[in-house]
C-alpha atoms as a PDB file:
ATOM      1  CA  UNK A   1       0.003  -0.004   0.000  1.00  0.00           C
ATOM      2  CA  UNK A   2       2.773   2.450   0.894  1.00  0.00           C
ATOM      3  CA  UNK A   3       4.485   1.721  -2.399  1.00  0.00           C
ATOM      4  CA  UNK A   4       1.311   2.347  -4.363  1.00  0.00           C
ATOM      5  CA  UNK A   5       0.677   5.574  -2.513  1.00  0.00           C
ATOM      6  CA  UNK A   6       4.231   6.712  -3.189  1.00  0.00           C
ATOM      7  CA  UNK A   7       3.981   6.076  -6.928  1.00  0.00           C
ATOM      8  CA  UNK A   8       0.631   7.844  -7.138  1.00  0.00           C
ATOM      9  CA  UNK A   9       2.023  10.809  -5.229  1.00  0.00           C
ATOM     10  CA  UNK A  10       4.934  11.050  -7.665  1.00  0.00           C
ATOM     11  CA  UNK A  11       2.587  11.074 -10.673  1.00  0.00           C
ATOM     12  CA  UNK A  12       0.386  13.719  -9.071  1.00  0.00           C
ATOM     13  CA  UNK A  13       3.405  15.900  -8.311  1.00  0.00           C
ATOM     14  CA  UNK A  14       4.478  15.624 -11.965  1.00  0.00           C
ATOM     15  CA  UNK A  15       1.140  17.121 -12.981  1.00  0.00           C
ATOM     16  CA  UNK A  16       1.639  19.982 -10.553  1.00  0.00           C
ATOM     17  CA  UNK A  17       5.055  20.510 -12.129  1.00  0.00           C
ATOM     18  CA  UNK A  18       3.540  20.458 -15.597  1.00  0.00           C
ATOM     19  CA  UNK A  19       0.972  23.019 -14.556  1.00  0.00           C
ATOM     20  CA  UNK A  20       3.699  25.232 -13.120  1.00  0.00           C
ATOM     21  CA  UNK A  21       5.732  24.871 -16.308  1.00  0.00           C
ATOM     22  CA  UNK A  22       2.756  26.066 -18.355  1.00  0.00           C
ATOM     23  CA  UNK A  23       2.908  29.372 -16.479  1.00  0.00           C
ATOM     24  CA  UNK A  24       1.707  32.320 -18.528  1.00  0.00           C
ATOM     25  CA  UNK A  25       0.110  31.590 -21.888  1.00  0.00           C
ATOM     26  CA  UNK A  26      -1.586  33.212 -24.843  1.00  0.00           C
ATOM     27  CA  UNK A  27      -4.020  31.959 -27.493  1.00  0.00           C
ATOM     28  CA  UNK A  28      -2.696  31.990 -31.052  1.00  0.00           C
ATOM     29  CA  UNK A  29      -3.786  31.327 -34.642  1.00  0.00           C
ATOM     30  CA  UNK A  30      -7.458  30.647 -33.967  1.00  0.00           C
ATOM     31  CA  UNK A  31      -8.628  33.302 -36.386  1.00  0.00           C
ATOM     32  CA  UNK A  32      -5.561  33.666 -38.598  1.00  0.00           C
ATOM     33  CA  UNK A  33      -5.755  33.247 -42.384  1.00  0.00           C
ATOM     34  CA  UNK A  34      -2.688  30.992 -42.129  1.00  0.00           C
ATOM     35  CA  UNK A  35      -4.974  27.941 -42.063  1.00  0.00           C
ATOM     36  CA  UNK A  36      -6.351  28.764 -45.493  1.00  0.00           C
ATOM     37  CA  UNK A  37      -3.171  30.071 -47.059  1.00  0.00           C
ATOM     38  CA  UNK A  38       0.251  30.096 -45.404  1.00  0.00           C
ATOM     39  CA  UNK A  39       1.331  33.170 -47.375  1.00  0.00           C
ATOM     40  CA  UNK A  40      -1.622  35.140 -45.966  1.00  0.00           C
ATOM     41  CA  UNK A  41      -0.857  34.354 -42.339  1.00  0.00           C
ATOM     42  CA  UNK A  42      -0.542  37.331 -40.003  1.00  0.00           C
ATOM     43  CA  UNK A  43       1.540  35.410 -37.490  1.00  0.00           C
ATOM     44  CA  UNK A  44       5.143  34.766 -38.438  1.00  0.00           C
ATOM     45  CA  UNK A  45       8.076  32.911 -36.946  1.00  0.00           C
ATOM     46  CA  UNK A  46       9.379  36.072 -35.280  1.00  0.00           C
ATOM     47  CA  UNK A  47       6.173  36.376 -33.274  1.00  0.00           C
ATOM     48  CA  UNK A  48       6.975  33.159 -31.402  1.00  0.00           C
ATOM     49  CA  UNK A  49      10.305  34.647 -30.394  1.00  0.00           C
ATOM     50  CA  UNK A  50       8.545  37.847 -29.321  1.00  0.00           C
ATOM     51  CA  UNK A  51       6.006  35.939 -27.207  1.00  0.00           C
ATOM     52  CA  UNK A  52       8.816  34.093 -25.425  1.00  0.00           C
ATOM     53  CA  UNK A  53      10.911  37.219 -24.971  1.00  0.00           C
ATOM     54  CA  UNK A  54       8.228  39.046 -22.987  1.00  0.00           C
ATOM     55  CA  UNK A  55       7.794  36.248 -20.476  1.00  0.00           C
ATOM     56  CA  UNK A  56       5.173  33.853 -21.785  1.00  0.00           C
ATOM     57  CA  UNK A  57       5.663  30.121 -21.246  1.00  0.00           C
ATOM     58  CA  UNK A  58       3.034  28.507 -23.474  1.00  0.00           C
ATOM     59  CA  UNK A  59       0.973  29.088 -26.602  1.00  0.00           C
ATOM     60  CA  UNK A  60      -2.476  27.613 -26.974  1.00  0.00           C
ATOM     61  CA  UNK A  61      -2.966  26.763 -30.638  1.00  0.00           C
ATOM     62  CA  UNK A  62      -6.717  27.130 -31.150  1.00  0.00           C
ATOM     63  CA  UNK A  63      -7.764  24.720 -33.900  1.00  0.00           C
ATOM     64  CA  UNK A  64     -10.948  24.806 -35.988  1.00  0.00           C
ATOM     65  CA  UNK A  65     -10.594  21.838 -38.363  1.00  0.00           C
ATOM     66  CA  UNK A  66     -14.339  21.760 -39.121  1.00  0.00           C
ATOM     67  CA  UNK A  67     -14.553  25.469 -39.922  1.00  0.00           C
ATOM     68  CA  UNK A  68     -11.404  25.286 -42.014  1.00  0.00           C
ATOM     69  CA  UNK A  69     -12.696  22.255 -43.952  1.00  0.00           C
ATOM     70  CA  UNK A  70      -9.458  20.523 -42.962  1.00  0.00           C
ATOM     71  CA  UNK A  71     -11.143  17.139 -42.671  1.00  0.00           C
ATOM     72  CA  UNK A  72     -11.386  15.571 -46.098  1.00  0.00           C
ATOM     73  CA  UNK A  73     -12.724  12.208 -47.299  1.00  0.00           C
ATOM     74  CA  UNK A  74     -12.928   9.646 -44.521  1.00  0.00           C
ATOM     75  CA  UNK A  75     -12.467  12.358 -41.876  1.00  0.00           C
ATOM     76  CA  UNK A  76      -8.771  12.552 -42.686  1.00  0.00           C
ATOM     77  CA  UNK A  77      -6.943  15.770 -41.855  1.00  0.00           C
ATOM     78  CA  UNK A  78      -5.474  17.353 -44.973  1.00  0.00           C
ATOM     79  CA  UNK A  79      -1.700  17.355 -45.410  1.00  0.00           C
ATOM     80  CA  UNK A  80      -1.593  21.116 -45.996  1.00  0.00           C
ATOM     81  CA  UNK A  81      -3.472  21.820 -42.760  1.00  0.00           C
ATOM     82  CA  UNK A  82      -1.259  19.429 -40.817  1.00  0.00           C
ATOM     83  CA  UNK A  83       1.868  21.090 -42.210  1.00  0.00           C
ATOM     84  CA  UNK A  84       0.663  24.396 -40.795  1.00  0.00           C
ATOM     85  CA  UNK A  85       0.030  22.803 -37.414  1.00  0.00           C
ATOM     86  CA  UNK A  86       3.495  21.201 -37.494  1.00  0.00           C
ATOM     87  CA  UNK A  87       5.000  24.597 -38.232  1.00  0.00           C
ATOM     88  CA  UNK A  88       3.253  26.157 -35.235  1.00  0.00           C
ATOM     89  CA  UNK A  89       4.242  23.312 -32.874  1.00  0.00           C
ATOM     90  CA  UNK A  90       7.868  23.363 -33.998  1.00  0.00           C
ATOM     91  CA  UNK A  91       8.080  27.158 -33.746  1.00  0.00           C
ATOM     92  CA  UNK A  92       6.763  26.982 -30.184  1.00  0.00           C
ATOM     93  CA  UNK A  93       9.148  24.229 -29.112  1.00  0.00           C
ATOM     94  CA  UNK A  94      12.060  25.964 -30.823  1.00  0.00           C
ATOM     95  CA  UNK A  95      11.415  29.069 -28.734  1.00  0.00           C
ATOM     96  CA  UNK A  96      11.035  27.196 -25.419  1.00  0.00           C
ATOM     97  CA  UNK A  97       7.274  27.635 -25.404  1.00  0.00           C
ATOM     98  CA  UNK A  98       4.990  24.753 -24.435  1.00  0.00           C
ATOM     99  CA  UNK A  99       2.474  24.247 -27.262  1.00  0.00           C
ATOM    100  CA  UNK A 100      -1.104  23.288 -26.353  1.00  0.00           C
ATOM    101  CA  UNK A 101      -3.008  21.614 -29.182  1.00  0.00           C
ATOM    102  CA  UNK A 102      -6.502  22.895 -28.444  1.00  0.00           C
ATOM    103  CA  UNK A 103      -9.602  21.508 -30.190  1.00  0.00           C
ATOM    104  CA  UNK A 104     -11.551  24.755 -30.369  1.00  0.00           C
ATOM    105  CA  UNK A 105     -14.732  23.783 -32.217  1.00  0.00           C
ATOM    106  CA  UNK A 106     -16.944  24.700 -29.277  1.00  0.00           C
ATOM    107  CA  UNK A 107     -19.745  26.242 -31.355  1.00  0.00           C
ATOM    108  CA  UNK A 108     -20.254  23.267 -33.650  1.00  0.00           C
ATOM    109  CA  UNK A 109     -19.880  20.716 -30.839  1.00  0.00           C
ATOM    110  CA  UNK A 110     -22.339  22.672 -28.693  1.00  0.00           C
ATOM    111  CA  UNK A 111     -24.944  22.706 -31.437  1.00  0.00           C
ATOM    112  CA  UNK A 112     -24.803  19.062 -32.443  1.00  0.00           C
ATOM    113  CA  UNK A 113     -22.466  16.855 -30.396  1.00  0.00           C
ATOM    114  CA  UNK A 114     -23.969  13.579 -31.683  1.00  0.00           C
ATOM    115  CA  UNK A 115     -23.532  14.497 -35.333  1.00  0.00           C
ATOM    116  CA  UNK A 116     -19.914  15.549 -34.793  1.00  0.00           C
ATOM    117  CA  UNK A 117     -18.756  12.922 -32.320  1.00  0.00           C
ATOM    118  CA  UNK A 118     -17.155  10.795 -35.044  1.00  0.00           C
ATOM    119  CA  UNK A 119     -15.210  13.719 -36.453  1.00  0.00           C
ATOM    120  CA  UNK A 120     -13.983  14.689 -32.981  1.00  0.00           C
ATOM    121  CA  UNK A 121     -12.705  11.179 -32.302  1.00  0.00           C
ATOM    122  CA  UNK A 122     -11.122  10.991 -35.777  1.00  0.00           C
ATOM    123  CA  UNK A 123      -9.325  14.282 -35.100  1.00  0.00           C
ATOM    124  CA  UNK A 124      -7.779  13.065 -31.847  1.00  0.00           C
ATOM    125  CA  UNK A 125      -6.953   9.640 -33.299  1.00  0.00           C
ATOM    126  CA  UNK A 126      -4.839  11.301 -35.987  1.00  0.00           C
ATOM    127  CA  UNK A 127      -3.305  13.961 -33.759  1.00  0.00           C
ATOM    128  CA  UNK A 128      -2.427  11.333 -31.163  1.00  0.00           C
ATOM    129  CA  UNK A 129      -0.591   9.188 -33.713  1.00  0.00           C
ATOM    130  CA  UNK A 130       1.235  12.121 -35.287  1.00  0.00           C
ATOM    131  CA  UNK A 131       2.534  13.550 -32.023  1.00  0.00           C
ATOM    132  CA  UNK A 132       2.983  10.419 -29.907  1.00  0.00           C
ATOM    133  CA  UNK A 133       6.768  10.737 -29.885  1.00  0.00           C
ATOM    134  CA  UNK A 134       6.895  14.443 -29.045  1.00  0.00           C
ATOM    135  CA  UNK A 135       8.296  15.610 -25.689  1.00  0.00           C
ATOM    136  CA  UNK A 136       6.101  16.057 -22.633  1.00  0.00           C
ATOM    137  CA  UNK A 137       6.170  19.814 -23.174  1.00  0.00           C
ATOM    138  CA  UNK A 138       3.460  19.264 -25.805  1.00  0.00           C
ATOM    139  CA  UNK A 139       0.000  19.229 -24.224  1.00  0.00           C
ATOM    140  CA  UNK A 140      -3.422  18.237 -25.607  1.00  0.00           C
ATOM    141  CA  UNK A 141      -6.608  20.147 -24.721  1.00  0.00           C
ATOM    142  CA  UNK A 142      -9.449  17.829 -25.624  1.00  0.00           C
ATOM    143  CA  UNK A 143     -12.342  20.268 -26.131  1.00  0.00           C
ATOM    144  CA  UNK A 144     -12.681  23.978 -25.501  1.00  0.00           C
ATOM    145  CA  UNK A 145     -15.738  25.269 -23.609  1.00  0.00           C
ATOM    146  CA  UNK A 146     -18.429  22.564 -23.933  1.00  0.00           C
ATOM    147  CA  UNK A 147     -21.822  24.249 -24.043  1.00  0.00           C
ATOM    148  CA  UNK A 148     -25.378  24.108 -25.346  1.00  0.00           C
ATOM    149  CA  UNK A 149     -26.503  20.595 -26.295  1.00  0.00           C
ATOM    150  CA  UNK A 150     -23.231  19.274 -24.906  1.00  0.00           C
ATOM    151  CA  UNK A 151     -24.626  19.063 -21.387  1.00  0.00           C
ATOM    152  CA  UNK A 152     -22.509  18.141 -18.335  1.00  0.00           C
ATOM    153  CA  UNK A 153     -23.770  14.554 -18.470  1.00  0.00           C
ATOM    154  CA  UNK A 154     -23.159  14.150 -22.194  1.00  0.00           C
ATOM    155  CA  UNK A 155     -19.810  15.933 -21.865  1.00  0.00           C
ATOM    156  CA  UNK A 156     -18.707  13.332 -19.275  1.00  0.00           C
ATOM    157  CA  UNK A 157     -19.657  10.434 -21.567  1.00  0.00           C
ATOM    158  CA  UNK A 158     -17.910  12.015 -24.544  1.00  0.00           C
ATOM    159  CA  UNK A 159     -14.835  12.672 -22.404  1.00  0.00           C
ATOM    160  CA  UNK A 160     -14.405   8.940 -21.799  1.00  0.00           C
ATOM    161  CA  UNK A 161     -14.384   8.224 -25.530  1.00  0.00           C
ATOM    162  CA  UNK A 162     -11.988  11.045 -26.400  1.00  0.00           C
ATOM    163  CA  UNK A 163      -9.596  10.259 -23.577  1.00  0.00           C
ATOM    164  CA  UNK A 164      -9.584   6.562 -24.500  1.00  0.00           C
ATOM    165  CA  UNK A 165      -8.706   7.526 -28.087  1.00  0.00           C
ATOM    166  CA  UNK A 166      -5.801   9.714 -26.967  1.00  0.00           C
ATOM    167  CA  UNK A 167      -4.468   7.190 -24.453  1.00  0.00           C
ATOM    168  CA  UNK A 168      -4.092   4.491 -27.122  1.00  0.00           C
ATOM    169  CA  UNK A 169      -1.114   6.381 -28.545  1.00  0.00           C
ATOM    170  CA  UNK A 170      -0.257   8.849 -25.772  1.00  0.00           C
ATOM    171  CA  UNK A 171      -0.591   7.029 -22.441  1.00  0.00           C
ATOM    172  CA  UNK A 172       1.500   9.584 -20.563  1.00  0.00           C
ATOM    173  CA  UNK A 173       0.586  12.789 -22.415  1.00  0.00           C
ATOM    174  CA  UNK A 174      -0.654  15.658 -20.263  1.00  0.00           C
ATOM    175  CA  UNK A 175      -4.209  16.511 -21.247  1.00  0.00           C
ATOM    176  CA  UNK A 176      -6.244  19.553 -20.275  1.00  0.00           C
ATOM    177  CA  UNK A 177      -9.920  19.019 -19.549  1.00  0.00           C
ATOM    178  CA  UNK A 178     -12.565  21.574 -18.640  1.00  0.00           C
ATOM    179  CA  UNK A 179     -16.137  21.277 -17.357  1.00  0.00           C
ATOM    180  CA  UNK A 180     -19.286  21.917 -19.344  1.00  0.00           C
ATOM    181  CA  UNK A 181     -21.128  25.253 -19.155  1.00  0.00           C
ATOM    182  CA  UNK A 182     -18.305  27.005 -21.052  1.00  0.00           C
ATOM    183  CA  UNK A 183     -15.510  25.646 -18.798  1.00  0.00           C
ATOM    184  CA  UNK A 184     -17.054  27.637 -15.978  1.00  0.00           C
ATOM    185  CA  UNK A 185     -16.407  27.209 -12.271  1.00  0.00           C
ATOM    186  CA  UNK A 186     -20.102  26.435 -11.819  1.00  0.00           C
ATOM    187  CA  UNK A 187     -19.652  23.357 -14.031  1.00  0.00           C
ATOM    188  CA  UNK A 188     -16.909  21.810 -11.891  1.00  0.00           C
ATOM    189  CA  UNK A 189     -19.197  19.956  -9.511  1.00  0.00           C
ATOM    190  CA  UNK A 190     -20.667  18.006 -12.445  1.00  0.00           C
ATOM    191  CA  UNK A 191     -17.323  17.141 -14.055  1.00  0.00           C
ATOM    192  CA  UNK A 192     -16.458  13.441 -13.699  1.00  0.00           C
ATOM    193  CA  UNK A 193     -12.840  12.404 -14.277  1.00  0.00           C
ATOM    194  CA  UNK A 194     -11.422   8.870 -14.463  1.00  0.00           C
ATOM    195  CA  UNK A 195      -9.776   8.097 -11.144  1.00  0.00           C
ATOM    196  CA  UNK A 196      -7.114   5.877 -12.733  1.00  0.00           C
ATOM    197  CA  UNK A 197      -5.802   8.620 -15.063  1.00  0.00           C
ATOM    198  CA  UNK A 198      -3.620  11.145 -13.246  1.00  0.00           C
ATOM    199  CA  UNK A 199      -2.091  12.907 -16.257  1.00  0.00           C
ATOM    200  CA  UNK A 200      -4.863  15.481 -16.307  1.00  0.00           C
ATOM    201  CA  UNK A 201      -4.961  19.222 -15.645  1.00  0.00           C
ATOM    202  CA  UNK A 202      -8.423  20.711 -15.127  1.00  0.00           C
ATOM    203  CA  UNK A 203      -9.031  24.155 -16.607  1.00  0.00           C
ATOM    204  CA  UNK A 204     -11.674  26.788 -15.898  1.00  0.00           C
ATOM    205  CA  UNK A 205     -12.347  29.938 -17.868  1.00  0.00           C
ATOM    206  CA  UNK A 206     -13.201  33.049 -15.907  1.00  0.00           C
ATOM    207  CA  UNK A 207     -14.558  36.250 -17.446  1.00  0.00           C
ATOM    208  CA  UNK A 208     -16.369  38.000 -14.616  1.00  0.00           C
ATOM    209  CA  UNK A 209     -17.446  40.714 -14.439  1.00  0.00           C
ATOM    210  CA  UNK A 210     -18.590  40.258 -18.037  1.00  0.00           C
ATOM    211  CA  UNK A 211     -19.513  43.896 -18.566  1.00  0.00           C
ATOM    212  CA  UNK A 212     -15.895  44.809 -17.844  1.00  0.00           C
ATOM    213  CA  UNK A 213     -14.026  41.995 -19.614  1.00  0.00           C
ATOM    214  CA  UNK A 214     -16.268  41.964 -22.695  1.00  0.00           C
ATOM    215  CA  UNK A 215     -17.094  45.633 -23.029  1.00  0.00           C
ATOM    216  CA  UNK A 216     -17.430  46.695 -26.647  1.00  0.00           C
ATOM    217  CA  UNK A 217     -17.622  43.091 -27.855  1.00  0.00           C
ATOM    218  CA  UNK A 218     -20.327  42.876 -30.504  1.00  0.00           C
ATOM    219  CA  UNK A 219     -20.373  39.059 -30.401  1.00  0.00           C
ATOM    220  CA  UNK A 220     -21.138  39.204 -26.665  1.00  0.00           C
ATOM    221  CA  UNK A 221     -24.018  41.691 -27.078  1.00  0.00           C
ATOM    222  CA  UNK A 222     -21.979  44.544 -25.566  1.00  0.00           C
ATOM    223  CA  UNK A 223     -21.064  46.574 -28.646  1.00  0.00           C
ATOM    224  CA  UNK A 224     -22.192  49.876 -27.183  1.00  0.00           C
ATOM    225  CA  UNK A 225     -21.232  49.182 -23.595  1.00  0.00           C
ATOM    226  CA  UNK A 226     -17.770  50.693 -23.058  1.00  0.00           C
ATOM    227  CA  UNK A 227     -15.895  52.773 -20.512  1.00  0.00           C
ATOM    228  CA  UNK A 228     -16.610  50.348 -17.668  1.00  0.00           C
ATOM    229  CA  UNK A 229     -13.936  50.202 -14.993  1.00  0.00           C
ATOM    230  CA  UNK A 230     -12.804  47.600 -12.507  1.00  0.00           C
ATOM    231  CA  UNK A 231     -11.040  49.371  -9.634  1.00  0.00           C
ATOM    232  CA  UNK A 232     -10.338  46.507  -7.269  1.00  0.00           C
ATOM    233  CA  UNK A 233     -12.737  47.629  -4.553  1.00  0.00           C
ATOM    234  CA  UNK A 234     -13.237  45.331  -1.547  1.00  0.00           C
ATOM    235  CA  UNK A 235     -16.629  44.291  -2.944  1.00  0.00           C
ATOM    236  CA  UNK A 236     -15.180  43.521  -6.399  1.00  0.00           C
ATOM    237  CA  UNK A 237     -12.334  41.489  -4.939  1.00  0.00           C
ATOM    238  CA  UNK A 238     -14.697  39.642  -2.619  1.00  0.00           C
ATOM    239  CA  UNK A 239     -16.829  38.494  -5.546  1.00  0.00           C
ATOM    240  CA  UNK A 240     -13.808  37.038  -7.354  1.00  0.00           C
ATOM    241  CA  UNK A 241     -12.418  35.370  -4.232  1.00  0.00           C
ATOM    242  CA  UNK A 242     -15.808  33.776  -3.615  1.00  0.00           C
ATOM    243  CA  UNK A 243     -15.831  32.261  -7.095  1.00  0.00           C
ATOM    244  CA  UNK A 244     -12.276  30.957  -6.886  1.00  0.00           C
ATOM    245  CA  UNK A 245     -12.848  29.448  -3.462  1.00  0.00           C
ATOM    246  CA  UNK A 246     -15.411  27.214  -5.160  1.00  0.00           C
ATOM    247  CA  UNK A 247     -12.797  26.129  -7.682  1.00  0.00           C
END
């Protein structure tokens, strides 16, 4: 028993170390034309060096293979699209940044998770095989912000299938998993994780107060709502501490 506990403790500590290594991060390439045409890409190799030089530790490569029509016949990822992903991963690693391969199709998966389940599993099957020999500094994020029809219960069932797919080729890969309800703190109590798999980091996304963080954002219904301040008053800080205590 003591031996088992010691091994488990070592694995858990490794995940804490991985989380610490991730440090500060920034999303990249999610809405860059580079996925359609490399020559039109706004992000260049020098931007990876710049990101590292100002103190970031990871880049989260937000992938939209459905939107980009990257999945061709038989749900195979196109060679051109994969070459662009390879470029991004190699640029990150070459600049001492930890790359996170993030499946970012949260809108499509939220609208029709049953219809797109097969494509999601096909995506991770191929990504898992392609990157199985990469160093542990490469991290997989299985699904960004589950929402809508992808309820907490359905999200838990889908998680089992996706994780099983990844573990066939990447048994020790660090994976990032978030709860349903847009990766919110309120979704944590309904998130079910496999007890036998300890190579997991749980993520939450926090945007409160929304009127401050999303002011002026047309897509969030706040196009005309600007000039809102957050001053760090005792009441404002108390609200945030209360939320994070739940996490």
